[in-house]
Amino acid sequence: MSTEVSIRPVTAEDAGELLTLRRAAFVTEAQVYGDPSIPPLTQTLAELRADLATDGVITLGGWAGHRLVGSIRVLLEGQKATLGRLAVAPDLQGQGIGTQLLLAILPYLPEDTSEVWVFTGRDSVHNLALYEKHGYTHQHDQTAGDLTYAYLRKFLGGGDLDLDGVVGATDPTG
């Protein structure tokens, strides 16, 4: 079952709703790791507003009617984009919203973007499966405090979209 959402950039006016969504969505991650102090749960409204205003950061939201039900954040650095904080309302997880957001970010990337990185908790099995399904491959793990993050990368093949709206992945290293 797929829930269709309307996707657009998140604005400062949406910040309170985004903060609420992220906190609700990341509670299960905190439970997996036994750590209620993961960054999406400790970020303040002021910090979130500052992040939304940061050059090189794109945050998209998915709305079902007037309700914000999903979001994704992207940091742009040269030809590299790093995805993070993919969040879906707990009552709607598993209905395709995360996939829609993951694909929706691609047209917002600069044309010269050659690779997209994403990180998630190493033990976040569902998240890892979602990214791998969409062409991201595990590169390395990194520990920060008590958490170990898995970093995955996808090479973009010249920015051409295939018929399904998915960017083709090619590895320039052969």
N, C-alpha and C. Protein backbone atom coordinates (compact mmCIF):
# COMPACT_ATOMS: atom_id res chain seq x y z
N MET A 1 0.84 -1.18 0.00
CA MET A 1 0.00 0.00 0.00
C MET A 1 0.89 1.24 0.00
N SER A 2 0.57 2.20 -0.86
CA SER A 2 1.36 3.41 -0.95
C SER A 2 0.47 4.62 -0.67
N THR A 3 0.93 5.47 0.20
CA THR A 3 0.23 6.71 0.50
C THR A 3 0.87 7.82 -0.31
N GLU A 4 0.10 8.45 -1.18
CA GLU A 4 0.62 9.54 -2.00
C GLU A 4 0.68 10.81 -1.16
N VAL A 5 1.78 11.53 -1.28
CA VAL A 5 1.96 12.78 -0.55
C VAL A 5 2.35 13.89 -1.51
N SER A 6 2.08 15.10 -1.09
CA SER A 6 2.51 16.29 -1.81
C SER A 6 3.85 16.70 -1.22
N ILE A 7 4.88 16.81 -2.06
CA ILE A 7 6.23 17.09 -1.56
C ILE A 7 6.67 18.47 -1.99
N ARG A 8 7.19 19.23 -1.01
CA ARG A 8 7.70 20.58 -1.27
C ARG A 8 8.75 20.91 -0.21
N PRO A 9 9.55 21.96 -0.47
CA PRO A 9 10.52 22.37 0.55
C PRO A 9 9.82 22.80 1.85
N VAL A 10 10.45 22.48 2.95
CA VAL A 10 9.97 22.89 4.27
C VAL A 10 10.42 24.33 4.50
N THR A 11 9.54 25.15 5.04
CA THR A 11 9.85 26.55 5.33
C THR A 11 9.97 26.76 6.83
N ALA A 12 10.42 27.93 7.22
CA ALA A 12 10.53 28.27 8.64
C ALA A 12 9.17 28.18 9.33
N GLU A 13 8.10 28.46 8.59
CA GLU A 13 6.76 28.38 9.17
C GLU A 13 6.38 26.93 9.51
N ASP A 14 7.03 25.98 8.88
CA ASP A 14 6.76 24.56 9.12
C ASP A 14 7.64 23.97 10.23
N ALA A 15 8.53 24.77 10.80
CA ALA A 15 9.56 24.25 11.70
C ALA A 15 8.98 23.51 12.91
N GLY A 16 7.96 24.04 13.53
CA GLY A 16 7.38 23.38 14.71
C GLY A 16 6.80 22.02 14.36
N GLU A 17 6.11 21.96 13.23
CA GLU A 17 5.53 20.69 12.80
C GLU A 17 6.63 19.70 12.42
N LEU A 18 7.70 20.19 11.80
CA LEU A 18 8.83 19.31 11.44
C LEU A 18 9.50 18.77 12.70
N LEU A 19 9.70 19.61 13.68
CA LEU A 19 10.31 19.16 14.93
C LEU A 19 9.47 18.05 15.57
N THR A 20 8.17 18.24 15.58
CA THR A 20 7.26 17.24 16.15
C THR A 20 7.32 15.93 15.36
N LEU A 21 7.30 16.03 14.03
CA LEU A 21 7.38 14.84 13.18
C LEU A 21 8.67 14.06 13.45
N ARG A 22 9.79 14.76 13.44
CA ARG A 22 11.08 14.09 13.64
C ARG A 22 11.13 13.40 15.00
N ARG A 23 10.67 14.08 16.01
CA ARG A 23 10.71 13.47 17.35
C ARG A 23 9.87 12.21 17.40
N ALA A 24 8.68 12.27 16.81
CA ALA A 24 7.82 11.08 16.80
C ALA A 24 8.46 9.95 15.99
N ALA A 25 9.04 10.29 14.84
CA ALA A 25 9.61 9.28 13.95
C ALA A 25 10.87 8.64 14.52
N PHE A 26 11.67 9.40 15.25
CA PHE A 26 12.95 8.88 15.71
C PHE A 26 12.89 8.22 17.09
N VAL A 27 11.73 8.19 17.71
CA VAL A 27 11.61 7.49 19.00
C VAL A 27 11.98 6.02 18.83
N THR A 28 11.52 5.39 17.75
CA THR A 28 11.84 3.96 17.56
C THR A 28 13.34 3.75 17.38
N GLU A 29 14.02 4.68 16.71
CA GLU A 29 15.48 4.58 16.57
C GLU A 29 16.14 4.66 17.94
N ALA A 30 15.68 5.59 18.75
CA ALA A 30 16.24 5.74 20.09
C ALA A 30 16.04 4.46 20.90
N GLN A 31 14.90 3.82 20.72
CA GLN A 31 14.62 2.57 21.43
C GLN A 31 15.54 1.45 20.94
N VAL A 32 15.79 1.38 19.63
CA VAL A 32 16.68 0.36 19.08
C VAL A 32 18.07 0.47 19.72
N TYR A 33 18.53 1.70 19.89
CA TYR A 33 19.88 1.93 20.39
C TYR A 33 19.94 2.19 21.89
N GLY A 34 18.77 2.24 22.54
CA GLY A 34 18.76 2.50 23.97
C GLY A 34 19.34 3.85 24.32
N ASP A 35 19.13 4.83 23.43
CA ASP A 35 19.72 6.16 23.62
C ASP A 35 18.71 7.25 23.28
N PRO A 36 18.09 7.84 24.29
CA PRO A 36 17.10 8.89 24.02
C PRO A 36 17.72 10.24 23.65
N SER A 37 19.04 10.30 23.58
CA SER A 37 19.68 11.58 23.28
C SER A 37 20.25 11.65 21.87
N ILE A 38 19.68 10.87 20.92
CA ILE A 38 20.15 10.96 19.54
C ILE A 38 19.78 12.35 19.00
N PRO A 39 20.58 12.90 18.09
CA PRO A 39 20.39 14.28 17.64
C PRO A 39 18.97 14.67 17.19
N PRO A 40 18.24 13.83 16.45
CA PRO A 40 16.90 14.26 16.05
C PRO A 40 15.95 14.46 17.23
N LEU A 41 16.27 13.86 18.39
CA LEU A 41 15.42 14.01 19.56
C LEU A 41 15.86 15.14 20.47
N THR A 42 17.07 15.64 20.28
CA THR A 42 17.57 16.70 21.16
C THR A 42 17.66 18.06 20.48
N GLN A 43 17.48 18.10 19.17
CA GLN A 43 17.55 19.37 18.44
C GLN A 43 16.43 20.30 18.93
N THR A 44 16.78 21.55 19.17
CA THR A 44 15.80 22.53 19.61
C THR A 44 15.12 23.17 18.41
N LEU A 45 14.02 23.85 18.67
CA LEU A 45 13.31 24.56 17.59
C LEU A 45 14.21 25.64 16.99
N ALA A 46 14.95 26.35 17.82
CA ALA A 46 15.86 27.38 17.31
C ALA A 46 16.94 26.77 16.43
N GLU A 47 17.49 25.63 16.83
CA GLU A 47 18.51 24.95 16.02
C GLU A 47 17.92 24.47 14.70
N LEU A 48 16.70 23.97 14.73
CA LEU A 48 16.05 23.52 13.51
C LEU A 48 15.80 24.68 12.56
N ARG A 49 15.31 25.79 13.09
CA ARG A 49 15.09 26.98 12.24
C ARG A 49 16.39 27.45 11.61
N ALA A 50 17.46 27.44 12.38
CA ALA A 50 18.77 27.84 11.84
C ALA A 50 19.20 26.89 10.74
N ASP A 51 18.98 25.60 10.92
CA ASP A 51 19.33 24.61 9.91
C ASP A 51 18.53 24.84 8.62
N LEU A 52 17.25 25.13 8.76
CA LEU A 52 16.41 25.38 7.58
C LEU A 52 16.89 26.60 6.79
N ALA A 53 17.55 27.54 7.47
CA ALA A 53 18.02 28.77 6.82
C ALA A 53 19.46 28.65 6.32
N THR A 54 20.10 27.51 6.53
CA THR A 54 21.50 27.32 6.16
C THR A 54 21.65 27.13 4.65
N ASP A 55 22.57 27.91 4.05
CA ASP A 55 22.89 27.70 2.64
C ASP A 55 23.45 26.29 2.46
N GLY A 56 23.05 25.63 1.39
CA GLY A 56 23.55 24.30 1.10
C GLY A 56 22.77 23.19 1.79
N VAL A 57 21.68 23.55 2.48
CA VAL A 57 20.82 22.55 3.11
C VAL A 57 19.44 22.64 2.47
N ILE A 58 18.93 21.50 2.06
CA ILE A 58 17.58 21.40 1.50
C ILE A 58 16.80 20.44 2.39
N THR A 59 15.63 20.86 2.82
CA THR A 59 14.76 19.98 3.59
C THR A 59 13.43 19.92 2.87
N LEU A 60 13.03 18.73 2.48
CA LEU A 60 11.74 18.53 1.84
C LEU A 60 10.77 17.89 2.82
N GLY A 61 9.50 18.26 2.68
CA GLY A 61 8.47 17.65 3.50
C GLY A 61 7.42 17.01 2.62
N GLY A 62 6.79 15.98 3.13
CA GLY A 62 5.69 15.31 2.44
C GLY A 62 4.42 15.54 3.25
N TRP A 63 3.42 16.09 2.58
CA TRP A 63 2.15 16.38 3.25
C TRP A 63 1.04 15.49 2.72
N ALA A 64 0.25 14.99 3.65
CA ALA A 64 -1.01 14.29 3.33
C ALA A 64 -2.09 15.26 3.79
N GLY A 65 -2.68 15.96 2.83
CA GLY A 65 -3.59 17.04 3.20
C GLY A 65 -2.79 18.15 3.86
N HIS A 66 -3.21 18.55 5.06
CA HIS A 66 -2.50 19.61 5.79
C HIS A 66 -1.49 19.07 6.79
N ARG A 67 -1.35 17.76 6.85
CA ARG A 67 -0.47 17.13 7.85
C ARG A 67 0.89 16.80 7.25
N LEU A 68 1.95 17.25 7.92
CA LEU A 68 3.30 16.87 7.54
C LEU A 68 3.53 15.44 8.01
N VAL A 69 3.75 14.53 7.05
CA VAL A 69 3.87 13.10 7.39
C VAL A 69 5.26 12.53 7.11
N GLY A 70 6.13 13.32 6.51
CA GLY A 70 7.48 12.84 6.23
C GLY A 70 8.40 13.98 5.88
N SER A 71 9.71 13.74 6.02
CA SER A 71 10.69 14.76 5.66
C SER A 71 12.04 14.11 5.38
N ILE A 72 12.87 14.86 4.66
CA ILE A 72 14.24 14.43 4.38
C ILE A 72 15.10 15.68 4.29
N ARG A 73 16.32 15.58 4.79
CA ARG A 73 17.27 16.71 4.80
C ARG A 73 18.46 16.33 3.94
N VAL A 74 18.97 17.31 3.16
CA VAL A 74 20.14 17.07 2.32
C VAL A 74 21.13 18.20 2.52
N LEU A 75 22.38 17.83 2.73
CA LEU A 75 23.48 18.79 2.81
C LEU A 75 24.25 18.70 1.51
N LEU A 76 24.42 19.83 0.83
CA LEU A 76 25.16 19.88 -0.43
C LEU A 76 26.57 20.40 -0.16
N GLU A 77 27.56 19.65 -0.63
CA GLU A 77 28.97 20.03 -0.48
C GLU A 77 29.68 19.72 -1.79
N GLY A 78 29.86 20.74 -2.61
CA GLY A 78 30.49 20.52 -3.91
C GLY A 78 29.66 19.57 -4.74
N GLN A 79 30.28 18.48 -5.21
CA GLN A 79 29.57 17.50 -6.04
C GLN A 79 28.97 16.36 -5.21
N LYS A 80 28.97 16.55 -3.90
CA LYS A 80 28.48 15.52 -2.99
C LYS A 80 27.21 16.02 -2.28
N ALA A 81 26.24 15.13 -2.14
CA ALA A 81 25.05 15.40 -1.36
C ALA A 81 24.97 14.34 -0.27
N THR A 82 24.62 14.77 0.94
CA THR A 82 24.49 13.83 2.05
C THR A 82 23.07 13.91 2.59
N LEU A 83 22.37 12.79 2.51
CA LEU A 83 21.00 12.70 3.00
C LEU A 83 21.01 12.37 4.48
N GLY A 84 20.03 12.89 5.18
CA GLY A 84 19.90 12.56 6.59
C GLY A 84 18.51 12.88 7.09
N ARG A 85 18.24 12.42 8.27
CA ARG A 85 16.99 12.70 8.97
C ARG A 85 15.74 12.40 8.14
N LEU A 86 15.81 11.29 7.41
CA LEU A 86 14.61 10.80 6.71
C LEU A 86 13.64 10.35 7.79
N ALA A 87 12.49 11.01 7.85
CA ALA A 87 11.53 10.74 8.92
C ALA A 87 10.14 10.56 8.32
N VAL A 88 9.42 9.57 8.83
CA VAL A 88 8.03 9.32 8.42
C VAL A 88 7.21 9.14 9.69
N ALA A 89 6.04 9.73 9.71
CA ALA A 89 5.15 9.61 10.86
C ALA A 89 4.98 8.13 11.21
N PRO A 90 5.09 7.78 12.49
CA PRO A 90 5.04 6.37 12.88
C PRO A 90 3.81 5.62 12.38
N ASP A 91 2.65 6.26 12.35
CA ASP A 91 1.44 5.56 11.92
C ASP A 91 1.38 5.35 10.41
N LEU A 92 2.31 5.94 9.66
CA LEU A 92 2.31 5.79 8.20
C LEU A 92 3.58 5.12 7.66
N GLN A 93 4.44 4.66 8.55
CA GLN A 93 5.66 4.00 8.10
C GLN A 93 5.31 2.72 7.36
N GLY A 94 6.11 2.42 6.33
CA GLY A 94 5.89 1.21 5.54
C GLY A 94 4.89 1.40 4.42
N GLN A 95 4.48 2.65 4.15
CA GLN A 95 3.49 2.91 3.11
C GLN A 95 4.07 3.67 1.92
N GLY A 96 5.40 3.68 1.78
CA GLY A 96 6.03 4.26 0.60
C GLY A 96 6.39 5.73 0.70
N ILE A 97 6.12 6.36 1.82
CA ILE A 97 6.41 7.79 1.95
C ILE A 97 7.92 8.04 1.96
N GLY A 98 8.66 7.20 2.66
CA GLY A 98 10.12 7.34 2.69
C GLY A 98 10.72 7.21 1.30
N THR A 99 10.23 6.27 0.53
CA THR A 99 10.70 6.10 -0.85
C THR A 99 10.38 7.33 -1.69
N GLN A 100 9.17 7.86 -1.56
CA GLN A 100 8.80 9.06 -2.32
C GLN A 100 9.73 10.22 -1.99
N LEU A 101 10.05 10.41 -0.72
CA LEU A 101 10.94 11.49 -0.31
C LEU A 101 12.36 11.24 -0.82
N LEU A 102 12.82 10.00 -0.74
CA LEU A 102 14.15 9.66 -1.21
C LEU A 102 14.31 9.97 -2.69
N LEU A 103 13.29 9.70 -3.47
CA LEU A 103 13.33 9.98 -4.91
C LEU A 103 13.09 11.45 -5.22
N ALA A 104 12.28 12.11 -4.40
CA ALA A 104 11.91 13.51 -4.67
C ALA A 104 13.09 14.46 -4.52
N ILE A 105 14.08 14.09 -3.75
CA ILE A 105 15.21 14.99 -3.53
C ILE A 105 16.09 15.12 -4.78
N LEU A 106 16.09 14.11 -5.63
CA LEU A 106 17.02 14.09 -6.77
C LEU A 106 16.90 15.32 -7.69
N PRO A 107 15.71 15.77 -8.06
CA PRO A 107 15.64 16.96 -8.91
C PRO A 107 16.12 18.25 -8.23
N TYR A 108 16.25 18.25 -6.92
CA TYR A 108 16.72 19.43 -6.20
C TYR A 108 18.24 19.51 -6.14
N LEU A 109 18.91 18.44 -6.53
CA LEU A 109 20.37 18.42 -6.48
C LEU A 109 20.95 19.18 -7.67
N PRO A 110 22.08 19.87 -7.47
CA PRO A 110 22.74 20.52 -8.61
C PRO A 110 23.09 19.50 -9.68
N GLU A 111 23.10 19.92 -10.93
CA GLU A 111 23.37 19.00 -12.04
C GLU A 111 24.71 18.31 -11.94
N ASP A 112 25.69 18.97 -11.31
CA ASP A 112 27.03 18.37 -11.23
C ASP A 112 27.21 17.45 -10.02
N THR A 113 26.13 17.15 -9.30
CA THR A 113 26.24 16.24 -8.17
C THR A 113 26.59 14.85 -8.70
N SER A 114 27.70 14.30 -8.21
CA SER A 114 28.16 13.01 -8.72
C SER A 114 27.89 11.85 -7.77
N GLU A 115 27.69 12.17 -6.49
CA GLU A 115 27.45 11.10 -5.53
C GLU A 115 26.54 11.58 -4.41
N VAL A 116 25.76 10.63 -3.91
CA VAL A 116 24.87 10.90 -2.80
C VAL A 116 25.21 9.92 -1.68
N TRP A 117 25.42 10.46 -0.52
CA TRP A 117 25.72 9.66 0.66
C TRP A 117 24.51 9.68 1.59
N VAL A 118 24.37 8.66 2.38
CA VAL A 118 23.35 8.60 3.41
C VAL A 118 23.94 7.84 4.58
N PHE A 119 23.52 8.22 5.78
CA PHE A 119 23.97 7.47 6.94
C PHE A 119 22.77 7.14 7.81
N THR A 120 22.88 6.04 8.49
CA THR A 120 21.83 5.57 9.38
C THR A 120 22.49 4.70 10.45
N GLY A 121 21.77 4.43 11.47
CA GLY A 121 22.30 3.54 12.50
C GLY A 121 22.62 2.18 11.91
N ARG A 122 23.76 1.62 12.28
CA ARG A 122 24.20 0.33 11.74
C ARG A 122 23.19 -0.78 11.99
N ASP A 123 22.42 -0.68 13.06
CA ASP A 123 21.45 -1.72 13.40
C ASP A 123 20.05 -1.41 12.88
N SER A 124 19.90 -0.38 12.07
CA SER A 124 18.59 0.02 11.54
C SER A 124 18.30 -0.77 10.26
N VAL A 125 17.88 -1.99 10.45
CA VAL A 125 17.73 -2.94 9.35
C VAL A 125 16.78 -2.43 8.27
N HIS A 126 15.65 -1.86 8.65
CA HIS A 126 14.68 -1.38 7.65
C HIS A 126 15.25 -0.22 6.85
N ASN A 127 15.96 0.69 7.52
CA ASN A 127 16.56 1.82 6.82
C ASN A 127 17.62 1.35 5.82
N LEU A 128 18.48 0.45 6.26
CA LEU A 128 19.52 -0.07 5.38
C LEU A 128 18.91 -0.75 4.16
N ALA A 129 17.85 -1.52 4.37
CA ALA A 129 17.19 -2.21 3.26
C ALA A 129 16.60 -1.20 2.27
N LEU A 130 16.00 -0.13 2.77
CA LEU A 130 15.43 0.90 1.89
C LEU A 130 16.52 1.51 1.02
N TYR A 131 17.62 1.91 1.62
CA TYR A 131 18.68 2.56 0.85
C TYR A 131 19.31 1.59 -0.15
N GLU A 132 19.56 0.37 0.27
CA GLU A 132 20.15 -0.61 -0.64
C GLU A 132 19.21 -0.91 -1.81
N LYS A 133 17.91 -0.94 -1.55
CA LYS A 133 16.92 -1.17 -2.62
C LYS A 133 17.00 -0.08 -3.69
N HIS A 134 17.43 1.12 -3.30
CA HIS A 134 17.49 2.24 -4.23
C HIS A 134 18.91 2.54 -4.70
N GLY A 135 19.78 1.53 -4.63
CA GLY A 135 21.09 1.65 -5.26
C GLY A 135 22.22 2.16 -4.40
N TYR A 136 21.99 2.35 -3.12
CA TYR A 136 23.06 2.79 -2.22
C TYR A 136 23.83 1.56 -1.74
N THR A 137 25.16 1.67 -1.69
CA THR A 137 25.97 0.55 -1.25
C THR A 137 26.76 0.95 0.00
N HIS A 138 26.88 0.01 0.92
CA HIS A 138 27.58 0.25 2.18
C HIS A 138 29.05 0.55 1.90
N GLN A 139 29.56 1.61 2.50
CA GLN A 139 30.96 2.00 2.32
C GLN A 139 31.79 1.77 3.58
N HIS A 140 31.26 2.21 4.71
CA HIS A 140 32.00 2.06 5.96
C HIS A 140 31.09 2.37 7.15
N ASP A 141 31.55 2.01 8.34
CA ASP A 141 30.87 2.34 9.58
C ASP A 141 31.72 3.36 10.32
N GLN A 142 31.05 4.18 11.12
CA GLN A 142 31.76 5.16 11.93
C GLN A 142 31.06 5.28 13.28
N THR A 143 31.84 5.24 14.34
CA THR A 143 31.28 5.34 15.68
C THR A 143 31.39 6.78 16.18
N ALA A 144 30.28 7.27 16.73
CA ALA A 144 30.24 8.60 17.34
C ALA A 144 29.57 8.42 18.70
N GLY A 145 30.34 8.55 19.75
CA GLY A 145 29.79 8.30 21.08
C GLY A 145 29.46 6.82 21.20
N ASP A 146 28.22 6.54 21.61
CA ASP A 146 27.78 5.16 21.77
C ASP A 146 27.11 4.59 20.51
N LEU A 147 26.97 5.42 19.47
CA LEU A 147 26.28 4.99 18.25
C LEU A 147 27.26 4.67 17.14
N THR A 148 26.94 3.65 16.36
CA THR A 148 27.72 3.33 15.17
C THR A 148 26.82 3.55 13.96
N TYR A 149 27.29 4.38 13.06
CA TYR A 149 26.53 4.72 11.85
C TYR A 149 27.08 3.95 10.67
N ALA A 150 26.18 3.50 9.80
CA ALA A 150 26.56 2.90 8.53
C ALA A 150 26.45 3.99 7.47
N TYR A 151 27.48 4.14 6.66
CA TYR A 151 27.49 5.13 5.58
C TYR A 151 27.36 4.39 4.26
N LEU A 152 26.41 4.83 3.45
CA LEU A 152 26.15 4.24 2.15
C LEU A 152 26.28 5.32 1.09
N ARG A 153 26.66 4.91 -0.12
CA ARG A 153 26.86 5.86 -1.21
C ARG A 153 26.22 5.35 -2.49
N LYS A 154 25.78 6.31 -3.28
CA LYS A 154 25.25 6.03 -4.61
C LYS A 154 25.88 7.01 -5.58
N PHE A 155 26.44 6.48 -6.66
CA PHE A 155 26.98 7.33 -7.71
C PHE A 155 25.86 7.68 -8.67
N LEU A 156 25.81 8.92 -9.08
CA LEU A 156 24.79 9.35 -10.04
C LEU A 156 25.39 9.33 -11.43
N GLY A 157 24.65 8.78 -12.37
CA GLY A 157 25.12 8.64 -13.75
C GLY A 157 24.74 9.83 -14.60
N GLY A 158 25.36 10.97 -14.37
CA GLY A 158 25.12 12.14 -15.20
C GLY A 158 23.79 12.82 -14.95
N GLY A 159 23.07 12.43 -13.91
CA GLY A 159 21.82 13.08 -13.58
C GLY A 159 20.64 12.67 -14.44
N ASP A 160 20.81 11.65 -15.32
CA ASP A 160 19.71 11.23 -16.18
C ASP A 160 18.72 10.38 -15.39
N LEU A 161 17.46 10.72 -15.48
CA LEU A 161 16.43 9.94 -14.81
C LEU A 161 15.95 8.83 -15.73
N ASP A 162 15.77 7.64 -15.18
CA ASP A 162 15.20 6.59 -16.01
C ASP A 162 13.67 6.70 -15.95
N LEU A 163 12.97 5.78 -16.57
CA LEU A 163 11.51 5.89 -16.69
C LEU A 163 10.79 5.79 -15.37
N ASP A 164 11.42 5.22 -14.35
CA ASP A 164 10.79 5.10 -13.05
C ASP A 164 11.12 6.29 -12.15
N GLY A 165 11.86 7.27 -12.65
CA GLY A 165 12.22 8.42 -11.85
C GLY A 165 13.38 8.16 -10.91
N VAL A 166 14.11 7.08 -11.15
CA VAL A 166 15.24 6.74 -10.31
C VAL A 166 16.51 7.04 -11.09
N VAL A 167 17.43 7.74 -10.45
CA VAL A 167 18.69 8.03 -11.12
C VAL A 167 19.51 6.76 -11.24
N GLY A 168 20.04 6.50 -12.44
CA GLY A 168 20.87 5.32 -12.63
C GLY A 168 22.19 5.46 -11.91
N ALA A 169 22.63 4.41 -11.28
CA ALA A 169 23.88 4.46 -10.54
C ALA A 169 25.00 3.85 -11.37
N THR A 170 26.11 4.54 -11.42
CA THR A 170 27.30 3.99 -12.05
C THR A 170 28.47 4.23 -11.13
N ASP A 171 29.41 3.35 -11.12
CA ASP A 171 30.58 3.48 -10.28
C ASP A 171 31.74 3.90 -11.15
N PRO A 172 32.23 5.16 -11.02
CA PRO A 172 33.30 5.64 -11.89
C PRO A 172 34.62 4.96 -11.63
N THR A 173 34.74 4.20 -10.53
CA THR A 173 36.00 3.51 -10.27
C THR A 173 36.07 2.17 -10.97
N GLY A 174 34.97 1.81 -11.66
CA GLY A 174 34.98 0.56 -12.43
C GLY A 174 34.42 -0.52 -11.63
